[in-house]
């Protein structure tokens, strides 16, 4: 079973199959056709921080900001957080075993 989790191709195919099943179920339940919650594109009911997103200019800006925010968040999580966590572990280790702090 471990080999399926090491080879990410199997997990990717499994996730794609699950996504297709979920979309098919949502289409069958007509979630996309009647719901205001699952609507796409600008509309007067769509608000973000009390701003109505009612045209494609505002909608495109919102989508771009979401993409940039996701990219920056992932970049910080992958590059900065391991250093912060490592420093906290070293700080705790020095204080616990040697009786001094680094700061």
PDB file of N, CA and C in Angstrom:
ATOM      1  N   UNK A   1       0.821  -1.202   0.000  1.00  0.00           N
ATOM      2  CA  UNK A   1       0.000   0.000   0.000  1.00  0.00           C
ATOM      3  C   UNK A   1       0.859   1.258   0.000  1.00  0.00           C
ATOM      4  N   UNK A   2       2.061   1.162   0.599  1.00  0.00           N
ATOM      5  CA  UNK A   2       2.932   2.326   0.682  1.00  0.00           C
ATOM      6  C   UNK A   2       3.359   2.814  -0.702  1.00  0.00           C
ATOM      7  N   UNK A   3       3.518   1.889  -1.651  1.00  0.00           N
ATOM      8  CA  UNK A   3       3.971   2.272  -2.990  1.00  0.00           C
ATOM      9  C   UNK A   3       2.966   3.183  -3.699  1.00  0.00           C
ATOM     10  N   UNK A   4       1.668   3.083  -3.357  1.00  0.00           N
ATOM     11  CA  UNK A   4       0.673   3.947  -3.981  1.00  0.00           C
ATOM     12  C   UNK A   4       0.790   5.387  -3.490  1.00  0.00           C
ATOM     13  N   UNK A   5       1.271   5.571  -2.273  1.00  0.00           N
ATOM     14  CA  UNK A   5       1.418   6.922  -1.744  1.00  0.00           C
ATOM     15  C   UNK A   5       2.756   7.549  -2.114  1.00  0.00           C
ATOM     16  N   UNK A   6       3.744   6.736  -2.454  1.00  0.00           N
ATOM     17  CA  UNK A   6       5.027   7.254  -2.894  1.00  0.00           C
ATOM     18  C   UNK A   6       4.930   7.715  -4.344  1.00  0.00           C
ATOM     19  N   UNK A   7       4.276   6.916  -5.177  1.00  0.00           N
ATOM     20  CA  UNK A   7       4.076   7.284  -6.575  1.00  0.00           C
ATOM     21  C   UNK A   7       2.860   8.199  -6.656  1.00  0.00           C
ATOM     22  N   UNK A   8       3.084   9.470  -6.911  1.00  0.00           N
ATOM     23  CA  UNK A   8       2.005  10.451  -6.869  1.00  0.00           C
ATOM     24  C   UNK A   8       1.077  10.383  -8.073  1.00  0.00           C
ATOM     25  N   UNK A   9       1.442   9.638  -9.096  1.00  0.00           N
ATOM     26  CA  UNK A   9       0.560   9.525 -10.255  1.00  0.00           C
ATOM     27  C   UNK A   9      -0.741   8.825  -9.882  1.00  0.00           C
ATOM     28  N   UNK A  10      -0.643   7.786  -9.074  1.00  0.00           N
ATOM     29  CA  UNK A  10      -1.844   7.073  -8.642  1.00  0.00           C
ATOM     30  C   UNK A  10      -2.754   7.992  -7.834  1.00  0.00           C
ATOM     31  N   UNK A  11      -2.170   8.734  -6.905  1.00  0.00           N
ATOM     32  CA  UNK A  11      -2.965   9.639  -6.065  1.00  0.00           C
ATOM     33  C   UNK A  11      -3.591  10.763  -6.905  1.00  0.00           C
ATOM     34  N   UNK A  12      -2.876  11.224  -7.919  1.00  0.00           N
ATOM     35  CA  UNK A  12      -3.405  12.268  -8.794  1.00  0.00           C
ATOM     36  C   UNK A  12      -4.603  11.748  -9.578  1.00  0.00           C
ATOM     37  N   UNK A  13      -4.503  10.547 -10.117  1.00  0.00           N
ATOM     38  CA  UNK A  13      -5.627   9.944 -10.847  1.00  0.00           C
ATOM     39  C   UNK A  13      -6.804   9.729  -9.912  1.00  0.00           C
ATOM     40  N   UNK A  14      -6.537   9.274  -8.706  1.00  0.00           N
ATOM     41  CA  UNK A  14      -7.592   9.061  -7.727  1.00  0.00           C
ATOM     42  C   UNK A  14      -8.297  10.371  -7.372  1.00  0.00           C
ATOM     43  N   UNK A  15      -7.538  11.430  -7.190  1.00  0.00           N
ATOM     44  CA  UNK A  15      -8.138  12.741  -6.888  1.00  0.00           C
ATOM     45  C   UNK A  15      -8.956  13.264  -8.063  1.00  0.00           C
ATOM     46  N   UNK A  16      -8.490  13.063  -9.275  1.00  0.00           N
ATOM     47  CA  UNK A  16      -9.247  13.506 -10.453  1.00  0.00           C
ATOM     48  C   UNK A  16     -10.554  12.726 -10.582  1.00  0.00           C
ATOM     49  N   UNK A  17     -10.512  11.434 -10.325  1.00  0.00           N
ATOM     50  CA  UNK A  17     -11.740  10.639 -10.371  1.00  0.00           C
ATOM     51  C   UNK A  17     -12.723  11.120  -9.317  1.00  0.00           C
ATOM     52  N   UNK A  18     -12.233  11.392  -8.103  1.00  0.00           N
ATOM     53  CA  UNK A  18     -13.107  11.879  -7.038  1.00  0.00           C
ATOM     54  C   UNK A  18     -13.712  13.239  -7.408  1.00  0.00           C
ATOM     55  N   UNK A  19     -12.902  14.122  -7.981  1.00  0.00           N
ATOM     56  CA  UNK A  19     -13.410  15.428  -8.403  1.00  0.00           C
ATOM     57  C   UNK A  19     -14.498  15.282  -9.463  1.00  0.00           C
ATOM     58  N   UNK A  20     -14.312  14.391 -10.402  1.00  0.00           N
ATOM     59  CA  UNK A  20     -15.337  14.156 -11.436  1.00  0.00           C
ATOM     60  C   UNK A  20     -16.623  13.623 -10.815  1.00  0.00           C
ATOM     61  N   UNK A  21     -16.506  12.717  -9.859  1.00  0.00           N
ATOM     62  CA  UNK A  21     -17.699  12.190  -9.186  1.00  0.00           C
ATOM     63  C   UNK A  21     -18.445  13.301  -8.460  1.00  0.00           C
ATOM     64  N   UNK A  22     -17.712  14.161  -7.755  1.00  0.00           N
ATOM     65  CA  UNK A  22     -18.349  15.257  -7.026  1.00  0.00           C
ATOM     66  C   UNK A  22     -19.052  16.215  -7.985  1.00  0.00           C
ATOM     67  N   UNK A  23     -18.412  16.570  -9.090  1.00  0.00           N
ATOM     68  CA  UNK A  23     -19.026  17.486 -10.061  1.00  0.00           C
ATOM     69  C   UNK A  23     -20.264  16.850 -10.678  1.00  0.00           C
ATOM     70  N   UNK A  24     -20.207  15.564 -11.007  1.00  0.00           N
ATOM     71  CA  UNK A  24     -21.370  14.888 -11.587  1.00  0.00           C
ATOM     72  C   UNK A  24     -22.533  14.876 -10.605  1.00  0.00           C
ATOM     73  N   UNK A  25     -22.257  14.616  -9.336  1.00  0.00           N
ATOM     74  CA  UNK A  25     -23.322  14.615  -8.324  1.00  0.00           C
ATOM     75  C   UNK A  25     -23.914  16.014  -8.179  1.00  0.00           C
ATOM     76  N   UNK A  26     -23.071  17.038  -8.160  1.00  0.00           N
ATOM     77  CA  UNK A  26     -23.576  18.411  -8.036  1.00  0.00           C
ATOM     78  C   UNK A  26     -24.405  18.823  -9.250  1.00  0.00           C
ATOM     79  N   UNK A  27     -24.005  18.380 -10.435  1.00  0.00           N
ATOM     80  CA  UNK A  27     -24.785  18.677 -11.645  1.00  0.00           C
ATOM     81  C   UNK A  27     -26.120  17.950 -11.591  1.00  0.00           C
ATOM     82  N   UNK A  28     -26.120  16.707 -11.146  1.00  0.00           N
ATOM     83  CA  UNK A  28     -27.362  15.947 -11.043  1.00  0.00           C
ATOM     84  C   UNK A  28     -28.323  16.558 -10.024  1.00  0.00           C
ATOM     85  N   UNK A  29     -27.783  17.137  -8.975  1.00  0.00           N
ATOM     86  CA  UNK A  29     -28.614  17.795  -7.965  1.00  0.00           C
ATOM     87  C   UNK A  29     -29.028  19.211  -8.377  1.00  0.00           C
ATOM     88  N   UNK A  30     -28.584  19.635  -9.548  1.00  0.00           N
ATOM     89  CA  UNK A  30     -28.866  20.960 -10.110  1.00  0.00           C
ATOM     90  C   UNK A  30     -28.401  22.090  -9.192  1.00  0.00           C
ATOM     91  N   UNK A  31     -27.258  21.875  -8.569  1.00  0.00           N
ATOM     92  CA  UNK A  31     -26.702  22.894  -7.682  1.00  0.00           C
ATOM     93  C   UNK A  31     -26.217  24.093  -8.483  1.00  0.00           C
ATOM     94  N   UNK A  32     -25.684  23.857  -9.664  1.00  0.00           N
ATOM     95  CA  UNK A  32     -25.131  24.949 -10.460  1.00  0.00           C
ATOM     96  C   UNK A  32     -26.205  25.771 -11.168  1.00  0.00           C
ATOM     97  N   UNK A  33     -27.364  25.222 -11.399  1.00  0.00           N
ATOM     98  CA  UNK A  33     -28.363  25.926 -12.199  1.00  0.00           C
ATOM     99  C   UNK A  33     -29.308  26.794 -11.375  1.00  0.00           C
ATOM    100  N   UNK A  34     -29.588  26.440 -10.116  1.00  0.00           N
ATOM    101  CA  UNK A  34     -30.571  27.191  -9.345  1.00  0.00           C
ATOM    102  C   UNK A  34     -29.999  27.919  -8.142  1.00  0.00           C
ATOM    103  N   UNK A  35     -28.793  27.671  -7.801  1.00  0.00           N
ATOM    104  CA  UNK A  35     -28.261  28.179  -6.549  1.00  0.00           C
ATOM    105  C   UNK A  35     -27.556  29.512  -6.735  1.00  0.00           C
ATOM    106  N   UNK A  36     -27.775  30.424  -5.795  1.00  0.00           N
ATOM    107  CA  UNK A  36     -27.010  31.670  -5.776  1.00  0.00           C
ATOM    108  C   UNK A  36     -25.643  31.441  -5.156  1.00  0.00           C
ATOM    109  N   UNK A  37     -25.525  30.390  -4.342  1.00  0.00           N
ATOM    110  CA  UNK A  37     -24.256  30.093  -3.686  1.00  0.00           C
ATOM    111  C   UNK A  37     -23.224  29.559  -4.674  1.00  0.00           C
ATOM    112  N   UNK A  38     -23.628  28.739  -5.601  1.00  0.00           N
ATOM    113  CA  UNK A  38     -22.709  28.112  -6.544  1.00  0.00           C
ATOM    114  C   UNK A  38     -22.770  28.772  -7.918  1.00  0.00           C
ATOM    115  N   UNK A  39     -22.881  30.075  -7.968  1.00  0.00           N
ATOM    116  CA  UNK A  39     -22.902  30.784  -9.238  1.00  0.00           C
ATOM    117  C   UNK A  39     -21.508  31.327  -9.544  1.00  0.00           C
ATOM    118  N   UNK A  40     -21.195  31.438 -10.815  1.00  0.00           N
ATOM    119  CA  UNK A  40     -19.893  31.925 -11.248  1.00  0.00           C
ATOM    120  C   UNK A  40     -20.066  33.229 -12.015  1.00  0.00           C
ATOM    121  N   UNK A  41     -19.066  34.091 -11.927  1.00  0.00           N
ATOM    122  CA  UNK A  41     -19.099  35.354 -12.643  1.00  0.00           C
ATOM    123  C   UNK A  41     -19.667  36.471 -11.794  1.00  0.00           C
ATOM    124  N   UNK A  42     -19.541  37.696 -12.293  1.00  0.00           N
ATOM    125  CA  UNK A  42     -20.036  38.835 -11.521  1.00  0.00           C
ATOM    126  C   UNK A  42     -21.565  38.861 -11.472  1.00  0.00           C
ATOM    127  N   UNK A  43     -22.075  39.331 -10.348  1.00  0.00           N
ATOM    128  CA  UNK A  43     -23.520  39.486 -10.166  1.00  0.00           C
ATOM    129  C   UNK A  43     -23.744  40.425  -8.986  1.00  0.00           C
ATOM    130  N   UNK A  44     -24.872  41.055  -8.889  1.00  0.00           N
ATOM    131  CA  UNK A  44     -25.107  42.030  -7.809  1.00  0.00           C
ATOM    132  C   UNK A  44     -25.072  41.410  -6.408  1.00  0.00           C
ATOM    133  N   UNK A  45     -25.370  40.112  -6.291  1.00  0.00           N
ATOM    134  CA  UNK A  45     -25.369  39.477  -4.971  1.00  0.00           C
ATOM    135  C   UNK A  45     -23.965  39.165  -4.468  1.00  0.00           C
ATOM    136  N   UNK A  46     -22.966  39.154  -5.372  1.00  0.00           N
ATOM    137  CA  UNK A  46     -21.595  38.831  -4.992  1.00  0.00           C
ATOM    138  C   UNK A  46     -20.946  40.041  -4.345  1.00  0.00           C
ATOM    139  N   UNK A  47     -20.561  39.898  -3.082  1.00  0.00           N
ATOM    140  CA  UNK A  47     -19.888  40.985  -2.374  1.00  0.00           C
ATOM    141  C   UNK A  47     -18.595  40.466  -1.773  1.00  0.00           C
ATOM    142  N   UNK A  48     -17.616  41.336  -1.739  1.00  0.00           N
ATOM    143  CA  UNK A  48     -16.340  41.038  -1.114  1.00  0.00           C
ATOM    144  C   UNK A  48     -15.951  42.246  -0.286  1.00  0.00           C
ATOM    145  N   UNK A  49     -15.905  42.083   1.016  1.00  0.00           N
ATOM    146  CA  UNK A  49     -15.601  43.162   1.951  1.00  0.00           C
ATOM    147  C   UNK A  49     -16.538  44.350   1.733  1.00  0.00           C
ATOM    148  N   UNK A  50     -17.818  44.069   1.619  1.00  0.00           N
ATOM    149  CA  UNK A  50     -18.893  45.051   1.442  1.00  0.00           C
ATOM    150  C   UNK A  50     -18.814  45.801   0.117  1.00  0.00           C
ATOM    151  N   UNK A  51     -18.087  45.270  -0.860  1.00  0.00           N
ATOM    152  CA  UNK A  51     -18.022  45.849  -2.202  1.00  0.00           C
ATOM    153  C   UNK A  51     -18.748  44.903  -3.140  1.00  0.00           C
ATOM    154  N   UNK A  52     -19.702  45.417  -3.880  1.00  0.00           N
ATOM    155  CA  UNK A  52     -20.445  44.603  -4.825  1.00  0.00           C
ATOM    156  C   UNK A  52     -19.587  44.315  -6.055  1.00  0.00           C
ATOM    157  N   UNK A  53     -19.434  43.051  -6.387  1.00  0.00           N
ATOM    158  CA  UNK A  53     -18.677  42.637  -7.574  1.00  0.00           C
ATOM    159  C   UNK A  53     -19.699  42.399  -8.678  1.00  0.00           C
ATOM    160  N   UNK A  54     -20.052  43.470  -9.384  1.00  0.00           N
ATOM    161  CA  UNK A  54     -21.152  43.408 -10.340  1.00  0.00           C
ATOM    162  C   UNK A  54     -20.728  43.586 -11.793  1.00  0.00           C
ATOM    163  N   UNK A  55     -19.418  43.710 -12.057  1.00  0.00           N
ATOM    164  CA  UNK A  55     -18.966  43.762 -13.446  1.00  0.00           C
ATOM    165  C   UNK A  55     -17.668  42.958 -13.585  1.00  0.00           C
ATOM    166  N   UNK A  56     -17.277  42.697 -14.831  1.00  0.00           N
ATOM    167  CA  UNK A  56     -16.124  41.838 -15.065  1.00  0.00           C
ATOM    168  C   UNK A  56     -14.808  42.491 -14.676  1.00  0.00           C
ATOM    169  N   UNK A  57     -14.725  43.800 -14.663  1.00  0.00           N
ATOM    170  CA  UNK A  57     -13.500  44.484 -14.228  1.00  0.00           C
ATOM    171  C   UNK A  57     -13.217  44.160 -12.757  1.00  0.00           C
ATOM    172  N   UNK A  58     -14.202  44.340 -11.899  1.00  0.00           N
ATOM    173  CA  UNK A  58     -14.036  44.031 -10.475  1.00  0.00           C
ATOM    174  C   UNK A  58     -13.827  42.531 -10.260  1.00  0.00           C
ATOM    175  N   UNK A  59     -14.533  41.727 -11.028  1.00  0.00           N
ATOM    176  CA  UNK A  59     -14.421  40.273 -10.897  1.00  0.00           C
ATOM    177  C   UNK A  59     -13.013  39.803 -11.264  1.00  0.00           C
ATOM    178  N   UNK A  60     -12.449  40.322 -12.361  1.00  0.00           N
ATOM    179  CA  UNK A  60     -11.098  39.939 -12.773  1.00  0.00           C
ATOM    180  C   UNK A  60     -10.050  40.400 -11.764  1.00  0.00           C
ATOM    181  N   UNK A  61     -10.219  41.586 -11.209  1.00  0.00           N
ATOM    182  CA  UNK A  61      -9.291  42.061 -10.179  1.00  0.00           C
ATOM    183  C   UNK A  61      -9.345  41.144  -8.958  1.00  0.00           C
ATOM    184  N   UNK A  62     -10.535  40.754  -8.555  1.00  0.00           N
ATOM    185  CA  UNK A  62     -10.693  39.857  -7.412  1.00  0.00           C
ATOM    186  C   UNK A  62     -10.031  38.507  -7.679  1.00  0.00           C
ATOM    187  N   UNK A  63     -10.231  37.952  -8.852  1.00  0.00           N
ATOM    188  CA  UNK A  63      -9.618  36.666  -9.201  1.00  0.00           C
ATOM    189  C   UNK A  63      -8.094  36.787  -9.216  1.00  0.00           C
ATOM    190  N   UNK A  64      -7.560  37.868  -9.781  1.00  0.00           N
ATOM    191  CA  UNK A  64      -6.103  38.077  -9.798  1.00  0.00           C
ATOM    192  C   UNK A  64      -5.544  38.190  -8.382  1.00  0.00           C
ATOM    193  N   UNK A  65      -6.237  38.903  -7.507  1.00  0.00           N
ATOM    194  CA  UNK A  65      -5.775  39.040  -6.123  1.00  0.00           C
ATOM    195  C   UNK A  65      -5.807  37.695  -5.394  1.00  0.00           C
ATOM    196  N   UNK A  66      -6.802  36.883  -5.660  1.00  0.00           N
ATOM    197  CA  UNK A  66      -6.871  35.562  -5.034  1.00  0.00           C
ATOM    198  C   UNK A  66      -5.703  34.692  -5.503  1.00  0.00           C
ATOM    199  N   UNK A  67      -5.397  34.738  -6.796  1.00  0.00           N
ATOM    200  CA  UNK A  67      -4.291  33.943  -7.333  1.00  0.00           C
ATOM    201  C   UNK A  67      -2.958  34.421  -6.761  1.00  0.00           C
ATOM    202  N   UNK A  68      -2.735  35.737  -6.724  1.00  0.00           N
ATOM    203  CA  UNK A  68      -1.486  36.281  -6.184  1.00  0.00           C
ATOM    204  C   UNK A  68      -1.372  35.958  -4.693  1.00  0.00           C
ATOM    205  N   UNK A  69      -2.463  36.104  -3.948  1.00  0.00           N
ATOM    206  CA  UNK A  69      -2.435  35.797  -2.526  1.00  0.00           C
ATOM    207  C   UNK A  69      -2.110  34.323  -2.279  1.00  0.00           C
ATOM    208  N   UNK A  70      -2.679  33.429  -3.071  1.00  0.00           N
ATOM    209  CA  UNK A  70      -2.393  32.005  -2.936  1.00  0.00           C
ATOM    210  C   UNK A  70      -0.935  31.716  -3.244  1.00  0.00           C
ATOM    211  N   UNK A  71      -0.396  32.330  -4.290  1.00  0.00           N
ATOM    212  CA  UNK A  71       1.008  32.135  -4.653  1.00  0.00           C
ATOM    213  C   UNK A  71       1.936  32.622  -3.541  1.00  0.00           C
ATOM    214  N   UNK A  72       1.684  33.821  -3.032  1.00  0.00           N
ATOM    215  CA  UNK A  72       2.533  34.388  -1.982  1.00  0.00           C
ATOM    216  C   UNK A  72       2.439  33.559  -0.705  1.00  0.00           C
ATOM    217  N   UNK A  73       1.248  33.125  -0.347  1.00  0.00           N
ATOM    218  CA  UNK A  73       1.070  32.310   0.850  1.00  0.00           C
ATOM    219  C   UNK A  73       1.820  30.988   0.731  1.00  0.00           C
ATOM    220  N   UNK A  74       1.737  30.344  -0.422  1.00  0.00           N
ATOM    221  CA  UNK A  74       2.469  29.091  -0.629  1.00  0.00           C
ATOM    222  C   UNK A  74       3.971  29.317  -0.620  1.00  0.00           C
ATOM    223  N   UNK A  75       4.422  30.414  -1.208  1.00  0.00           N
ATOM    224  CA  UNK A  75       5.852  30.740  -1.216  1.00  0.00           C
ATOM    225  C   UNK A  75       6.361  30.955   0.202  1.00  0.00           C
ATOM    226  N   UNK A  76       5.621  31.694   1.002  1.00  0.00           N
ATOM    227  CA  UNK A  76       6.026  31.921   2.386  1.00  0.00           C
ATOM    228  C   UNK A  76       6.004  30.622   3.172  1.00  0.00           C
ATOM    229  N   UNK A  77       4.979  29.819   2.977  1.00  0.00           N
ATOM    230  CA  UNK A  77       4.881  28.564   3.715  1.00  0.00           C
ATOM    231  C   UNK A  77       6.028  27.621   3.374  1.00  0.00           C
ATOM    232  N   UNK A  78       6.455  27.620   2.114  1.00  0.00           N
ATOM    233  CA  UNK A  78       7.516  26.703   1.705  1.00  0.00           C
ATOM    234  C   UNK A  78       8.913  27.227   1.998  1.00  0.00           C
ATOM    235  N   UNK A  79       9.099  28.544   2.066  1.00  0.00           N
ATOM    236  CA  UNK A  79      10.447  29.071   2.213  1.00  0.00           C
ATOM    237  C   UNK A  79      10.738  29.656   3.595  1.00  0.00           C
ATOM    238  N   UNK A  80       9.797  30.353   4.186  1.00  0.00           N
ATOM    239  CA  UNK A  80      10.074  31.060   5.431  1.00  0.00           C
ATOM    240  C   UNK A  80       9.712  30.254   6.672  1.00  0.00           C
ATOM    241  N   UNK A  81       8.615  29.559   6.640  1.00  0.00           N
ATOM    242  CA  UNK A  81       8.127  28.842   7.828  1.00  0.00           C
ATOM    243  C   UNK A  81       9.115  27.778   8.318  1.00  0.00           C
ATOM    244  N   UNK A  82       9.763  26.981   7.451  1.00  0.00           N
ATOM    245  CA  UNK A  82      10.728  26.008   7.992  1.00  0.00           C
ATOM    246  C   UNK A  82      11.866  26.660   8.780  1.00  0.00           C
ATOM    247  N   UNK A  83      12.311  27.850   8.362  1.00  0.00           N
ATOM    248  CA  UNK A  83      13.374  28.537   9.094  1.00  0.00           C
ATOM    249  C   UNK A  83      12.876  29.029  10.446  1.00  0.00           C
ATOM    250  N   UNK A  84      11.662  29.527  10.482  1.00  0.00           N
ATOM    251  CA  UNK A  84      11.091  29.996  11.744  1.00  0.00           C
ATOM    252  C   UNK A  84      10.905  28.816  12.688  1.00  0.00           C
ATOM    253  N   UNK A  85      10.369  27.721  12.191  1.00  0.00           N
ATOM    254  CA  UNK A  85      10.167  26.548  13.040  1.00  0.00           C
ATOM    255  C   UNK A  85      11.493  25.984  13.517  1.00  0.00           C
ATOM    256  N   UNK A  86      12.507  25.978  12.656  1.00  0.00           N
ATOM    257  CA  UNK A  86      13.819  25.480  13.048  1.00  0.00           C
ATOM    258  C   UNK A  86      14.413  26.377  14.131  1.00  0.00           C
ATOM    259  N   UNK A  87      14.269  27.694  14.015  1.00  0.00           N
ATOM    260  CA  UNK A  87      14.787  28.615  15.021  1.00  0.00           C
ATOM    261  C   UNK A  87      14.092  28.396  16.352  1.00  0.00           C
ATOM    262  N   UNK A  88      12.783  28.189  16.329  1.00  0.00           N
ATOM    263  CA  UNK A  88      12.045  27.955  17.565  1.00  0.00           C
ATOM    264  C   UNK A  88      12.516  26.665  18.216  1.00  0.00           C
ATOM    265  N   UNK A  89      12.780  25.629  17.443  1.00  0.00           N
ATOM    266  CA  UNK A  89      13.264  24.370  18.001  1.00  0.00           C
ATOM    267  C   UNK A  89      14.663  24.532  18.583  1.00  0.00           C
ATOM    268  N   UNK A  90      15.538  25.254  17.888  1.00  0.00           N
ATOM    269  CA  UNK A  90      16.892  25.485  18.391  1.00  0.00           C
ATOM    270  C   UNK A  90      16.834  26.340  19.655  1.00  0.00           C
ATOM    271  N   UNK A  91      15.987  27.360  19.664  1.00  0.00           N
ATOM    272  CA  UNK A  91      15.826  28.231  20.824  1.00  0.00           C
ATOM    273  C   UNK A  91      15.377  27.424  22.035  1.00  0.00           C
ATOM    274  N   UNK A  92      14.388  26.566  21.859  1.00  0.00           N
ATOM    275  CA  UNK A  92      13.880  25.745  22.957  1.00  0.00           C
ATOM    276  C   UNK A  92      14.948  24.756  23.426  1.00  0.00           C
ATOM    277  N   UNK A  93      15.674  24.161  22.485  1.00  0.00           N
ATOM    278  CA  UNK A  93      16.733  23.200  22.826  1.00  0.00           C
ATOM    279  C   UNK A  93      17.832  23.866  23.645  1.00  0.00           C
ATOM    280  N   UNK A  94      18.280  25.053  23.229  1.00  0.00           N
ATOM    281  CA  UNK A  94      19.341  25.760  23.957  1.00  0.00           C
ATOM    282  C   UNK A  94      18.876  26.156  25.353  1.00  0.00           C
ATOM    283  N   UNK A  95      17.674  26.639  25.465  1.00  0.00           N
ATOM    284  CA  UNK A  95      17.158  27.054  26.766  1.00  0.00           C
ATOM    285  C   UNK A  95      16.955  25.847  27.684  1.00  0.00           C
ATOM    286  N   UNK A  96      16.503  24.742  27.149  1.00  0.00           N
ATOM    287  CA  UNK A  96      16.204  23.566  27.956  1.00  0.00           C
ATOM    288  C   UNK A  96      17.477  22.864  28.432  1.00  0.00           C
ATOM    289  N   UNK A  97      18.426  22.665  27.520  1.00  0.00           N
ATOM    290  CA  UNK A  97      19.595  21.858  27.865  1.00  0.00           C
ATOM    291  C   UNK A  97      20.808  22.664  28.298  1.00  0.00           C
ATOM    292  N   UNK A  98      20.938  23.899  27.846  1.00  0.00           N
ATOM    293  CA  UNK A  98      22.141  24.668  28.170  1.00  0.00           C
ATOM    294  C   UNK A  98      21.859  25.841  29.106  1.00  0.00           C
ATOM    295  N   UNK A  99      20.614  26.162  29.328  1.00  0.00           N
ATOM    296  CA  UNK A  99      20.256  27.208  30.271  1.00  0.00           C
ATOM    297  C   UNK A  99      20.449  28.627  29.774  1.00  0.00           C
ATOM    298  N   UNK A 100      20.630  28.832  28.462  1.00  0.00           N
ATOM    299  CA  UNK A 100      20.725  30.194  27.937  1.00  0.00           C
ATOM    300  C   UNK A 100      19.811  30.341  26.737  1.00  0.00           C
ATOM    301  N   UNK A 101      19.516  31.569  26.424  1.00  0.00           N
ATOM    302  CA  UNK A 101      18.653  31.826  25.272  1.00  0.00           C
ATOM    303  C   UNK A 101      19.447  32.546  24.202  1.00  0.00           C
ATOM    304  N   UNK A 102      18.959  32.470  22.988  1.00  0.00           N
ATOM    305  CA  UNK A 102      19.632  33.112  21.856  1.00  0.00           C
ATOM    306  C   UNK A 102      19.181  34.551  21.653  1.00  0.00           C
ATOM    307  N   UNK A 103      18.120  34.954  22.301  1.00  0.00           N
ATOM    308  CA  UNK A 103      17.575  36.270  22.030  1.00  0.00           C
ATOM    309  C   UNK A 103      17.720  37.241  23.147  1.00  0.00           C
TER     310      UNK A 103
END
